[in-house]
Amino acid sequence: MPHLEAVHTLPTRADVWNVSNAHCRVHYQLLAEVEPDLLCRALNLFALQCLTPQQVNLQRMDDLMSIDIVIDGLSWHRAQVIAEKLRNLIGVCSVEVQAADSAWVEPAQAAG
């Protein structure tokens, strides 16, 4: 029986689509219908690529959910491919993707 070891994080997956592309931090903004499994299905698209988001924020507004996902280590091409897969999920109304700043400010914070 193998000895118990601490969990080691996997190295960032190489972007085989275009190795020469620089990696960046990406901010996804999704608007979706309220479905209990939709967040899991969206996050699974990252998990299948061995990617773990830095931040995830979900807010429910009546019959809609606003989901923000920030993730590092993607080329812009790879970020666009994942955005298209997110758009194809049943229940997703829209997906916006943009390069994120180094510090993400909570959308609910008031200036003052």
PDB file of N, CA and C in Angstrom:
ATOM      1  N   MET A   1       0.852  -1.167   0.000  1.00  0.00           N
ATOM      2  CA  MET A   1       0.000   0.000   0.000  1.00  0.00           C
ATOM      3  C   MET A   1       0.902   1.235   0.000  1.00  0.00           C
ATOM      4  N   PRO A   2       0.643   2.220  -0.897  1.00  0.00           N
ATOM      5  CA  PRO A   2       1.493   3.400  -0.965  1.00  0.00           C
ATOM      6  C   PRO A   2       1.307   4.286   0.274  1.00  0.00           C
ATOM      7  N   HIS A   3       2.370   5.005   0.612  1.00  0.00           N
ATOM      8  CA  HIS A   3       2.300   5.926   1.735  1.00  0.00           C
ATOM      9  C   HIS A   3       1.423   7.121   1.367  1.00  0.00           C
ATOM     10  N   LEU A   4       0.775   7.678   2.378  1.00  0.00           N
ATOM     11  CA  LEU A   4      -0.030   8.881   2.137  1.00  0.00           C
ATOM     12  C   LEU A   4       0.898  10.061   1.898  1.00  0.00           C
ATOM     13  N   GLU A   5       0.583  10.832   0.900  1.00  0.00           N
ATOM     14  CA  GLU A   5       1.384  11.997   0.561  1.00  0.00           C
ATOM     15  C   GLU A   5       0.486  13.212   0.499  1.00  0.00           C
ATOM     16  N   ALA A   6       1.084  14.360   0.685  1.00  0.00           N
ATOM     17  CA  ALA A   6       0.338  15.603   0.512  1.00  0.00           C
ATOM     18  C   ALA A   6      -0.062  15.730  -0.951  1.00  0.00           C
ATOM     19  N   VAL A   7      -1.177  16.360  -1.175  1.00  0.00           N
ATOM     20  CA  VAL A   7      -1.654  16.545  -2.539  1.00  0.00           C
ATOM     21  C   VAL A   7      -0.771  17.568  -3.234  1.00  0.00           C
ATOM     22  N   HIS A   8      -0.264  17.197  -4.380  1.00  0.00           N
ATOM     23  CA  HIS A   8       0.575  18.095  -5.168  1.00  0.00           C
ATOM     24  C   HIS A   8      -0.249  18.625  -6.327  1.00  0.00           C
ATOM     25  N   THR A   9      -0.173  19.934  -6.548  1.00  0.00           N
ATOM     26  CA  THR A   9      -0.885  20.496  -7.687  1.00  0.00           C
ATOM     27  C   THR A   9      -0.144  20.159  -8.967  1.00  0.00           C
ATOM     28  N   LEU A  10      -0.910  19.915  -9.985  1.00  0.00           N
ATOM     29  CA  LEU A  10      -0.335  19.588 -11.283  1.00  0.00           C
ATOM     30  C   LEU A  10       0.264  20.841 -11.909  1.00  0.00           C
ATOM     31  N   PRO A  11       1.311  20.706 -12.678  1.00  0.00           N
ATOM     32  CA  PRO A  11       1.862  21.875 -13.361  1.00  0.00           C
ATOM     33  C   PRO A  11       0.856  22.408 -14.369  1.00  0.00           C
ATOM     34  N   THR A  12       0.996  23.680 -14.716  1.00  0.00           N
ATOM     35  CA  THR A  12       0.101  24.276 -15.691  1.00  0.00           C
ATOM     36  C   THR A  12       0.180  23.502 -16.995  1.00  0.00           C
ATOM     37  N   ARG A  13      -0.964  23.196 -17.531  1.00  0.00           N
ATOM     38  CA  ARG A  13      -1.015  22.421 -18.772  1.00  0.00           C
ATOM     39  C   ARG A  13      -0.473  23.263 -19.928  1.00  0.00           C
ATOM     40  N   ALA A  14       0.376  22.693 -20.726  1.00  0.00           N
ATOM     41  CA  ALA A  14       0.943  23.395 -21.880  1.00  0.00           C
ATOM     42  C   ALA A  14      -0.156  23.671 -22.901  1.00  0.00           C
ATOM     43  N   ASP A  15      -0.080  24.829 -23.512  1.00  0.00           N
ATOM     44  CA  ASP A  15      -1.051  25.205 -24.529  1.00  0.00           C
ATOM     45  C   ASP A  15      -0.561  24.681 -25.873  1.00  0.00           C
ATOM     46  N   VAL A  16      -1.005  23.487 -26.225  1.00  0.00           N
ATOM     47  CA  VAL A  16      -0.512  22.850 -27.444  1.00  0.00           C
ATOM     48  C   VAL A  16      -1.061  23.505 -28.706  1.00  0.00           C
ATOM     49  N   TRP A  17      -2.113  24.322 -28.572  1.00  0.00           N
ATOM     50  CA  TRP A  17      -2.652  24.989 -29.750  1.00  0.00           C
ATOM     51  C   TRP A  17      -1.689  26.039 -30.265  1.00  0.00           C
ATOM     52  N   ASN A  18      -1.003  26.728 -29.355  1.00  0.00           N
ATOM     53  CA  ASN A  18      -0.039  27.736 -29.781  1.00  0.00           C
ATOM     54  C   ASN A  18       0.911  27.999 -28.622  1.00  0.00           C
ATOM     55  N   VAL A  19       1.990  27.251 -28.594  1.00  0.00           N
ATOM     56  CA  VAL A  19       2.943  27.300 -27.496  1.00  0.00           C
ATOM     57  C   VAL A  19       3.583  28.680 -27.361  1.00  0.00           C
ATOM     58  N   SER A  20       3.720  29.413 -28.459  1.00  0.00           N
ATOM     59  CA  SER A  20       4.393  30.708 -28.413  1.00  0.00           C
ATOM     60  C   SER A  20       3.527  31.822 -27.836  1.00  0.00           C
ATOM     61  N   ASN A  21       2.227  31.609 -27.658  1.00  0.00           N
ATOM     62  CA  ASN A  21       1.350  32.643 -27.103  1.00  0.00           C
ATOM     63  C   ASN A  21       1.653  32.891 -25.635  1.00  0.00           C
ATOM     64  N   ALA A  22       1.682  34.148 -25.248  1.00  0.00           N
ATOM     65  CA  ALA A  22       1.871  34.505 -23.843  1.00  0.00           C
ATOM     66  C   ALA A  22       0.599  34.178 -23.068  1.00  0.00           C
ATOM     67  N   HIS A  23       0.770  33.781 -21.828  1.00  0.00           N
ATOM     68  CA  HIS A  23      -0.381  33.484 -20.983  1.00  0.00           C
ATOM     69  C   HIS A  23      -0.826  34.740 -20.268  1.00  0.00           C
ATOM     70  N   CYS A  24      -2.124  34.809 -19.979  1.00  0.00           N
ATOM     71  CA  CYS A  24      -2.670  35.991 -19.333  1.00  0.00           C
ATOM     72  C   CYS A  24      -3.738  35.576 -18.324  1.00  0.00           C
ATOM     73  N   ARG A  25      -4.178  36.548 -17.540  1.00  0.00           N
ATOM     74  CA  ARG A  25      -5.293  36.339 -16.609  1.00  0.00           C
ATOM     75  C   ARG A  25      -6.572  36.720 -17.351  1.00  0.00           C
ATOM     76  N   VAL A  26      -7.574  35.863 -17.271  1.00  0.00           N
ATOM     77  CA  VAL A  26      -8.803  36.048 -18.031  1.00  0.00           C
ATOM     78  C   VAL A  26      -9.983  36.144 -17.075  1.00  0.00           C
ATOM     79  N   HIS A  27     -10.921  37.043 -17.402  1.00  0.00           N
ATOM     80  CA  HIS A  27     -12.134  37.228 -16.610  1.00  0.00           C
ATOM     81  C   HIS A  27     -13.330  36.863 -17.494  1.00  0.00           C
ATOM     82  N   TYR A  28     -14.058  35.829 -17.085  1.00  0.00           N
ATOM     83  CA  TYR A  28     -15.276  35.407 -17.776  1.00  0.00           C
ATOM     84  C   TYR A  28     -16.474  35.958 -17.011  1.00  0.00           C
ATOM     85  N   GLN A  29     -17.451  36.495 -17.729  1.00  0.00           N
ATOM     86  CA  GLN A  29     -18.699  36.949 -17.132  1.00  0.00           C
ATOM     87  C   GLN A  29     -19.837  36.223 -17.841  1.00  0.00           C
ATOM     88  N   LEU A  30     -20.558  35.403 -17.082  1.00  0.00           N
ATOM     89  CA  LEU A  30     -21.647  34.625 -17.650  1.00  0.00           C
ATOM     90  C   LEU A  30     -22.974  35.118 -17.091  1.00  0.00           C
ATOM     91  N   LEU A  31     -23.990  35.101 -17.918  1.00  0.00           N
ATOM     92  CA  LEU A  31     -25.361  35.328 -17.494  1.00  0.00           C
ATOM     93  C   LEU A  31     -26.112  34.063 -17.883  1.00  0.00           C
ATOM     94  N   ALA A  32     -26.772  33.454 -16.907  1.00  0.00           N
ATOM     95  CA  ALA A  32     -27.387  32.153 -17.166  1.00  0.00           C
ATOM     96  C   ALA A  32     -28.702  32.011 -16.404  1.00  0.00           C
ATOM     97  N   GLU A  33     -29.506  31.085 -16.869  1.00  0.00           N
ATOM     98  CA  GLU A  33     -30.738  30.739 -16.159  1.00  0.00           C
ATOM     99  C   GLU A  33     -30.375  30.029 -14.864  1.00  0.00           C
ATOM    100  N   VAL A  34     -31.239  30.153 -13.869  1.00  0.00           N
ATOM    101  CA  VAL A  34     -30.986  29.484 -12.600  1.00  0.00           C
ATOM    102  C   VAL A  34     -31.265  27.993 -12.780  1.00  0.00           C
ATOM    103  N   GLU A  35     -30.204  27.216 -12.785  1.00  0.00           N
ATOM    104  CA  GLU A  35     -30.284  25.760 -12.840  1.00  0.00           C
ATOM    105  C   GLU A  35     -29.292  25.227 -11.819  1.00  0.00           C
ATOM    106  N   PRO A  36     -29.703  24.280 -10.983  1.00  0.00           N
ATOM    107  CA  PRO A  36     -28.833  23.813  -9.895  1.00  0.00           C
ATOM    108  C   PRO A  36     -27.472  23.287 -10.342  1.00  0.00           C
ATOM    109  N   ASP A  37     -27.373  22.715 -11.527  1.00  0.00           N
ATOM    110  CA  ASP A  37     -26.103  22.108 -11.945  1.00  0.00           C
ATOM    111  C   ASP A  37     -25.280  22.975 -12.893  1.00  0.00           C
ATOM    112  N   LEU A  38     -25.749  24.172 -13.207  1.00  0.00           N
ATOM    113  CA  LEU A  38     -25.060  24.970 -14.213  1.00  0.00           C
ATOM    114  C   LEU A  38     -23.665  25.406 -13.772  1.00  0.00           C
ATOM    115  N   LEU A  39     -23.487  25.799 -12.536  1.00  0.00           N
ATOM    116  CA  LEU A  39     -22.157  26.199 -12.063  1.00  0.00           C
ATOM    117  C   LEU A  39     -21.183  25.028 -12.169  1.00  0.00           C
ATOM    118  N   CYS A  40     -21.634  23.835 -11.790  1.00  0.00           N
ATOM    119  CA  CYS A  40     -20.773  22.643 -11.895  1.00  0.00           C
ATOM    120  C   CYS A  40     -20.402  22.354 -13.346  1.00  0.00           C
ATOM    121  N   ARG A  41     -21.363  22.480 -14.249  1.00  0.00           N
ATOM    122  CA  ARG A  41     -21.066  22.222 -15.665  1.00  0.00           C
ATOM    123  C   ARG A  41     -20.083  23.243 -16.220  1.00  0.00           C
ATOM    124  N   ALA A  42     -20.220  24.503 -15.802  1.00  0.00           N
ATOM    125  CA  ALA A  42     -19.298  25.546 -16.274  1.00  0.00           C
ATOM    126  C   ALA A  42     -17.891  25.304 -15.727  1.00  0.00           C
ATOM    127  N   LEU A  43     -17.782  25.043 -14.435  1.00  0.00           N
ATOM    128  CA  LEU A  43     -16.464  24.822 -13.837  1.00  0.00           C
ATOM    129  C   LEU A  43     -15.817  23.537 -14.340  1.00  0.00           C
ATOM    130  N   ASN A  44     -16.627  22.578 -14.739  1.00  0.00           N
ATOM    131  CA  ASN A  44     -16.095  21.325 -15.265  1.00  0.00           C
ATOM    132  C   ASN A  44     -15.299  21.539 -16.550  1.00  0.00           C
ATOM    133  N   LEU A  45     -15.664  22.552 -17.341  1.00  0.00           N
ATOM    134  CA  LEU A  45     -14.908  22.839 -18.567  1.00  0.00           C
ATOM    135  C   LEU A  45     -13.465  23.224 -18.243  1.00  0.00           C
ATOM    136  N   PHE A  46     -13.247  23.871 -17.100  1.00  0.00           N
ATOM    137  CA  PHE A  46     -11.885  24.198 -16.670  1.00  0.00           C
ATOM    138  C   PHE A  46     -11.207  22.962 -16.082  1.00  0.00           C
ATOM    139  N   ALA A  47     -11.950  22.196 -15.288  1.00  0.00           N
ATOM    140  CA  ALA A  47     -11.382  21.010 -14.645  1.00  0.00           C
ATOM    141  C   ALA A  47     -10.912  19.988 -15.687  1.00  0.00           C
ATOM    142  N   LEU A  48     -11.639  19.853 -16.770  1.00  0.00           N
ATOM    143  CA  LEU A  48     -11.250  18.912 -17.825  1.00  0.00           C
ATOM    144  C   LEU A  48      -9.916  19.284 -18.456  1.00  0.00           C
ATOM    145  N   GLN A  49      -9.509  20.548 -18.320  1.00  0.00           N
ATOM    146  CA  GLN A  49      -8.237  21.012 -18.870  1.00  0.00           C
ATOM    147  C   GLN A  49      -7.175  21.160 -17.779  1.00  0.00           C
ATOM    148  N   CYS A  50      -7.455  20.596 -16.592  1.00  0.00           N
ATOM    149  CA  CYS A  50      -6.539  20.682 -15.440  1.00  0.00           C
ATOM    150  C   CYS A  50      -6.289  22.130 -15.024  1.00  0.00           C
ATOM    151  N   LEU A  51      -7.324  22.953 -15.092  1.00  0.00           N
ATOM    152  CA  LEU A  51      -7.236  24.356 -14.706  1.00  0.00           C
ATOM    153  C   LEU A  51      -8.109  24.616 -13.488  1.00  0.00           C
ATOM    154  N   THR A  52      -7.609  25.419 -12.564  1.00  0.00           N
ATOM    155  CA  THR A  52      -8.366  25.792 -11.371  1.00  0.00           C
ATOM    156  C   THR A  52      -8.520  27.308 -11.354  1.00  0.00           C
ATOM    157  N   PRO A  53      -9.747  27.819 -11.332  1.00  0.00           N
ATOM    158  CA  PRO A  53      -9.942  29.273 -11.291  1.00  0.00           C
ATOM    159  C   PRO A  53      -9.361  29.896 -10.027  1.00  0.00           C
ATOM    160  N   GLN A  54      -8.939  31.163 -10.148  1.00  0.00           N
ATOM    161  CA  GLN A  54      -8.439  31.925  -9.004  1.00  0.00           C
ATOM    162  C   GLN A  54      -9.607  32.412  -8.155  1.00  0.00           C
ATOM    163  N   GLN A  55     -10.666  32.880  -8.844  1.00  0.00           N
ATOM    164  CA  GLN A  55     -11.836  33.402  -8.154  1.00  0.00           C
ATOM    165  C   GLN A  55     -13.092  33.013  -8.908  1.00  0.00           C
ATOM    166  N   VAL A  56     -14.149  32.738  -8.135  1.00  0.00           N
ATOM    167  CA  VAL A  56     -15.465  32.457  -8.703  1.00  0.00           C
ATOM    168  C   VAL A  56     -16.483  33.218  -7.858  1.00  0.00           C
ATOM    169  N   ASN A  57     -17.365  33.944  -8.525  1.00  0.00           N
ATOM    170  CA  ASN A  57     -18.398  34.689  -7.823  1.00  0.00           C
ATOM    171  C   ASN A  57     -19.726  34.435  -8.529  1.00  0.00           C
ATOM    172  N   LEU A  58     -20.751  34.076  -7.759  1.00  0.00           N
ATOM    173  CA  LEU A  58     -22.071  33.839  -8.324  1.00  0.00           C
ATOM    174  C   LEU A  58     -23.084  34.671  -7.566  1.00  0.00           C
ATOM    175  N   GLN A  59     -23.936  35.360  -8.300  1.00  0.00           N
ATOM    176  CA  GLN A  59     -25.032  36.105  -7.692  1.00  0.00           C
ATOM    177  C   GLN A  59     -26.314  35.733  -8.405  1.00  0.00           C
ATOM    178  N   ARG A  60     -27.334  35.426  -7.608  1.00  0.00           N
ATOM    179  CA  ARG A  60     -28.633  35.082  -8.183  1.00  0.00           C
ATOM    180  C   ARG A  60     -29.516  36.323  -8.190  1.00  0.00           C
ATOM    181  N   MET A  61     -30.151  36.553  -9.341  1.00  0.00           N
ATOM    182  CA  MET A  61     -31.066  37.677  -9.507  1.00  0.00           C
ATOM    183  C   MET A  61     -32.366  37.128 -10.087  1.00  0.00           C
ATOM    184  N   ASP A  62     -33.310  36.802  -9.214  1.00  0.00           N
ATOM    185  CA  ASP A  62     -34.587  36.201  -9.619  1.00  0.00           C
ATOM    186  C   ASP A  62     -34.351  34.918 -10.424  1.00  0.00           C
ATOM    187  N   ASP A  63     -34.646  34.946 -11.722  1.00  0.00           N
ATOM    188  CA  ASP A  63     -34.517  33.747 -12.558  1.00  0.00           C
ATOM    189  C   ASP A  63     -33.181  33.657 -13.296  1.00  0.00           C
ATOM    190  N   LEU A  64     -32.246  34.560 -12.989  1.00  0.00           N
ATOM    191  CA  LEU A  64     -30.949  34.563 -13.660  1.00  0.00           C
ATOM    192  C   LEU A  64     -29.819  34.502 -12.645  1.00  0.00           C
ATOM    193  N   MET A  65     -28.668  34.002 -13.100  1.00  0.00           N
ATOM    194  CA  MET A  65     -27.454  33.976 -12.296  1.00  0.00           C
ATOM    195  C   MET A  65     -26.375  34.743 -13.056  1.00  0.00           C
ATOM    196  N   SER A  66     -25.612  35.524 -12.314  1.00  0.00           N
ATOM    197  CA  SER A  66     -24.438  36.186 -12.852  1.00  0.00           C
ATOM    198  C   SER A  66     -23.225  35.473 -12.267  1.00  0.00           C
ATOM    199  N   ILE A  67     -22.376  34.943 -13.139  1.00  0.00           N
ATOM    200  CA  ILE A  67     -21.214  34.174 -12.700  1.00  0.00           C
ATOM    201  C   ILE A  67     -19.954  34.852 -13.237  1.00  0.00           C
ATOM    202  N   ASP A  68     -19.029  35.168 -12.332  1.00  0.00           N
ATOM    203  CA  ASP A  68     -17.730  35.723 -12.711  1.00  0.00           C
ATOM    204  C   ASP A  68     -16.665  34.690 -12.379  1.00  0.00           C
ATOM    205  N   ILE A  69     -15.794  34.416 -13.335  1.00  0.00           N
ATOM    206  CA  ILE A  69     -14.698  33.462 -13.146  1.00  0.00           C
ATOM    207  C   ILE A  69     -13.404  34.137 -13.597  1.00  0.00           C
ATOM    208  N   VAL A  70     -12.403  34.137 -12.723  1.00  0.00           N
ATOM    209  CA  VAL A  70     -11.085  34.675 -13.062  1.00  0.00           C
ATOM    210  C   VAL A  70     -10.092  33.520 -13.011  1.00  0.00           C
ATOM    211  N   ILE A  71      -9.270  33.410 -14.055  1.00  0.00           N
ATOM    212  CA  ILE A  71      -8.323  32.304 -14.141  1.00  0.00           C
ATOM    213  C   ILE A  71      -7.034  32.777 -14.809  1.00  0.00           C
ATOM    214  N   ASP A  72      -5.924  32.275 -14.312  1.00  0.00           N
ATOM    215  CA  ASP A  72      -4.597  32.584 -14.864  1.00  0.00           C
ATOM    216  C   ASP A  72      -4.127  31.456 -15.770  1.00  0.00           C
ATOM    217  N   GLY A  73      -3.113  31.742 -16.560  1.00  0.00           N
ATOM    218  CA  GLY A  73      -2.401  30.694 -17.288  1.00  0.00           C
ATOM    219  C   GLY A  73      -3.021  30.258 -18.594  1.00  0.00           C
ATOM    220  N   LEU A  74      -3.814  31.125 -19.215  1.00  0.00           N
ATOM    221  CA  LEU A  74      -4.411  30.785 -20.505  1.00  0.00           C
ATOM    222  C   LEU A  74      -3.854  31.687 -21.595  1.00  0.00           C
ATOM    223  N   SER A  75      -3.655  31.116 -22.770  1.00  0.00           N
ATOM    224  CA  SER A  75      -3.386  31.973 -23.920  1.00  0.00           C
ATOM    225  C   SER A  75      -4.736  32.563 -24.335  1.00  0.00           C
ATOM    226  N   TRP A  76      -4.688  33.658 -25.082  1.00  0.00           N
ATOM    227  CA  TRP A  76      -5.945  34.285 -25.486  1.00  0.00           C
ATOM    228  C   TRP A  76      -6.762  33.343 -26.374  1.00  0.00           C
ATOM    229  N   HIS A  77      -6.101  32.588 -27.221  1.00  0.00           N
ATOM    230  CA  HIS A  77      -6.811  31.633 -28.072  1.00  0.00           C
ATOM    231  C   HIS A  77      -7.531  30.580 -27.237  1.00  0.00           C
ATOM    232  N   ARG A  78      -6.826  30.022 -26.271  1.00  0.00           N
ATOM    233  CA  ARG A  78      -7.424  28.994 -25.409  1.00  0.00           C
ATOM    234  C   ARG A  78      -8.589  29.574 -24.609  1.00  0.00           C
ATOM    235  N   ALA A  79      -8.449  30.820 -24.152  1.00  0.00           N
ATOM    236  CA  ALA A  79      -9.536  31.486 -23.422  1.00  0.00           C
ATOM    237  C   ALA A  79     -10.777  31.617 -24.298  1.00  0.00           C
ATOM    238  N   GLN A  80     -10.574  31.923 -25.574  1.00  0.00           N
ATOM    239  CA  GLN A  80     -11.697  32.059 -26.507  1.00  0.00           C
ATOM    240  C   GLN A  80     -12.378  30.711 -26.765  1.00  0.00           C
ATOM    241  N   VAL A  81     -11.597  29.657 -26.860  1.00  0.00           N
ATOM    242  CA  VAL A  81     -12.160  28.316 -27.080  1.00  0.00           C
ATOM    243  C   VAL A  81     -13.029  27.920 -25.883  1.00  0.00           C
ATOM    244  N   ILE A  82     -12.530  28.160 -24.668  1.00  0.00           N
ATOM    245  CA  ILE A  82     -13.318  27.827 -23.476  1.00  0.00           C
ATOM    246  C   ILE A  82     -14.574  28.695 -23.412  1.00  0.00           C
ATOM    247  N   ALA A  83     -14.472  29.975 -23.799  1.00  0.00           N
ATOM    248  CA  ALA A  83     -15.647  30.851 -23.818  1.00  0.00           C
ATOM    249  C   ALA A  83     -16.706  30.309 -24.759  1.00  0.00           C
ATOM    250  N   GLU A  84     -16.288  29.806 -25.899  1.00  0.00           N
ATOM    251  CA  GLU A  84     -17.254  29.234 -26.854  1.00  0.00           C
ATOM    252  C   GLU A  84     -17.927  27.990 -26.274  1.00  0.00           C
ATOM    253  N   LYS A  85     -17.165  27.173 -25.564  1.00  0.00           N
ATOM    254  CA  LYS A  85     -17.750  25.993 -24.918  1.00  0.00           C
ATOM    255  C   LYS A  85     -18.737  26.405 -23.836  1.00  0.00           C
ATOM    256  N   LEU A  86     -18.431  27.478 -23.102  1.00  0.00           N
ATOM    257  CA  LEU A  86     -19.360  27.991 -22.090  1.00  0.00           C
ATOM    258  C   LEU A  86     -20.653  28.474 -22.749  1.00  0.00           C
ATOM    259  N   ARG A  87     -20.541  29.149 -23.892  1.00  0.00           N
ATOM    260  CA  ARG A  87     -21.720  29.641 -24.615  1.00  0.00           C
ATOM    261  C   ARG A  87     -22.615  28.492 -25.068  1.00  0.00           C
ATOM    262  N   ASN A  88     -22.026  27.327 -25.313  1.00  0.00           N
ATOM    263  CA  ASN A  88     -22.795  26.184 -25.799  1.00  0.00           C
ATOM    264  C   ASN A  88     -23.503  25.399 -24.685  1.00  0.00           C
ATOM    265  N   LEU A  89     -23.239  25.743 -23.432  1.00  0.00           N
ATOM    266  CA  LEU A  89     -23.930  25.056 -22.337  1.00  0.00           C
ATOM    267  C   LEU A  89     -25.401  25.452 -22.323  1.00  0.00           C
ATOM    268  N   ILE A  90     -26.273  24.482 -22.148  1.00  0.00           N
ATOM    269  CA  ILE A  90     -27.704  24.761 -22.061  1.00  0.00           C
ATOM    270  C   ILE A  90     -27.963  25.591 -20.816  1.00  0.00           C
ATOM    271  N   GLY A  91     -28.704  26.676 -20.976  1.00  0.00           N
ATOM    272  CA  GLY A  91     -29.039  27.551 -19.857  1.00  0.00           C
ATOM    273  C   GLY A  91     -28.175  28.790 -19.785  1.00  0.00           C
ATOM    274  N   VAL A  92     -27.085  28.835 -20.557  1.00  0.00           N
ATOM    275  CA  VAL A  92     -26.226  30.019 -20.568  1.00  0.00           C
ATOM    276  C   VAL A  92     -26.786  31.003 -21.593  1.00  0.00           C
ATOM    277  N   CYS A  93     -27.048  32.236 -21.136  1.00  0.00           N
ATOM    278  CA  CYS A  93     -27.601  33.271 -22.017  1.00  0.00           C
ATOM    279  C   CYS A  93     -26.504  34.045 -22.739  1.00  0.00           C
ATOM    280  N   SER A  94     -25.431  34.386 -22.018  1.00  0.00           N
ATOM    281  CA  SER A  94     -24.348  35.137 -22.638  1.00  0.00           C
ATOM    282  C   SER A  94     -23.045  34.890 -21.895  1.00  0.00           C
ATOM    283  N   VAL A  95     -21.937  35.065 -22.620  1.00  0.00           N
ATOM    284  CA  VAL A  95     -20.594  34.937 -22.051  1.00  0.00           C
ATOM    285  C   VAL A  95     -19.748  36.071 -22.600  1.00  0.00           C
ATOM    286  N   GLU A  96     -19.147  36.830 -21.702  1.00  0.00           N
ATOM    287  CA  GLU A  96     -18.188  37.872 -22.063  1.00  0.00           C
ATOM    288  C   GLU A  96     -16.837  37.429 -21.524  1.00  0.00           C
ATOM    289  N   VAL A  97     -15.792  37.629 -22.302  1.00  0.00           N
ATOM    290  CA  VAL A  97     -14.443  37.268 -21.863  1.00  0.00           C
ATOM    291  C   VAL A  97     -13.528  38.453 -22.133  1.00  0.00           C
ATOM    292  N   GLN A  98     -12.684  38.758 -21.138  1.00  0.00           N
ATOM    293  CA  GLN A  98     -11.744  39.872 -21.290  1.00  0.00           C
ATOM    294  C   GLN A  98     -10.494  39.596 -20.489  1.00  0.00           C
ATOM    295  N   ALA A  99      -9.411  40.228 -20.892  1.00  0.00           N
ATOM    296  CA  ALA A  99      -8.180  40.134 -20.110  1.00  0.00           C
ATOM    297  C   ALA A  99      -8.440  40.850 -18.792  1.00  0.00           C
ATOM    298  N   ALA A 100      -8.085  40.201 -17.672  1.00  0.00           N
ATOM    299  CA  ALA A 100      -8.365  40.753 -16.353  1.00  0.00           C
ATOM    300  C   ALA A 100      -7.168  41.532 -15.838  1.00  0.00           C
ATOM    301  N   ASP A 101      -7.440  42.522 -15.001  1.00  0.00           N
ATOM    302  CA  ASP A 101      -6.373  43.250 -14.318  1.00  0.00           C
ATOM    303  C   ASP A 101      -5.742  42.329 -13.293  1.00  0.00           C
ATOM    304  N   SER A 102      -4.590  42.711 -12.764  1.00  0.00           N
ATOM    305  CA  SER A 102      -3.914  41.876 -11.766  1.00  0.00           C
ATOM    306  C   SER A 102      -4.718  41.776 -10.479  1.00  0.00           C
ATOM    307  N   ALA A 103      -5.503  42.772 -10.164  1.00  0.00           N
ATOM    308  CA  ALA A 103      -6.330  42.731  -8.950  1.00  0.00           C
ATOM    309  C   ALA A 103      -7.794  42.861  -9.361  1.00  0.00           C
ATOM    310  N   TRP A 104      -8.604  41.884  -8.986  1.00  0.00           N
ATOM    311  CA  TRP A 104     -10.014  41.898  -9.328  1.00  0.00           C
ATOM    312  C   TRP A 104     -10.787  42.480  -8.162  1.00  0.00           C
ATOM    313  N   VAL A 105     -11.602  43.474  -8.398  1.00  0.00           N
ATOM    314  CA  VAL A 105     -12.407  44.107  -7.360  1.00  0.00           C
ATOM    315  C   VAL A 105     -13.783  43.498  -7.390  1.00  0.00           C
ATOM    316  N   GLU A 106     -14.294  43.164  -6.213  1.00  0.00           N
ATOM    317  CA  GLU A 106     -15.631  42.596  -6.104  1.00  0.00           C
ATOM    318  C   GLU A 106     -16.631  43.537  -6.762  1.00  0.00           C
ATOM    319  N   PRO A 107     -17.535  43.044  -7.609  1.00  0.00           N
ATOM    320  CA  PRO A 107     -18.509  43.915  -8.275  1.00  0.00           C
ATOM    321  C   PRO A 107     -19.473  44.564  -7.297  1.00  0.00           C
ATOM    322  N   ALA A 108     -19.703  43.963  -6.133  1.00  0.00           N
ATOM    323  CA  ALA A 108     -20.672  44.483  -5.185  1.00  0.00           C
ATOM    324  C   ALA A 108     -20.093  45.577  -4.290  1.00  0.00           C
ATOM    325  N   GLN A 109     -18.782  45.817  -4.333  1.00  0.00           N
ATOM    326  CA  GLN A 109     -18.182  46.830  -3.476  1.00  0.00           C
ATOM    327  C   GLN A 109     -18.554  48.220  -3.969  1.00  0.00           C
ATOM    328  N   ALA A 110     -18.909  49.074  -3.018  1.00  0.00           N
ATOM    329  CA  ALA A 110     -19.250  50.453  -3.363  1.00  0.00           C
ATOM    330  C   ALA A 110     -18.010  51.324  -3.160  1.00  0.00           C
ATOM    331  N   ALA A 111     -17.830  52.243  -4.083  1.00  0.00           N
ATOM    332  CA  ALA A 111     -16.711  53.183  -3.941  1.00  0.00           C
ATOM    333  C   ALA A 111     -17.059  54.205  -2.871  1.00  0.00           C
ATOM    334  N   GLY A 112     -16.069  54.588  -2.122  1.00  0.00           N
ATOM    335  CA  GLY A 112     -16.423  55.605  -1.159  1.00  0.00           C
ATOM    336  C   GLY A 112     -15.473  55.653  -0.100  1.00  0.00           C
TER     337      GLY A 112
END
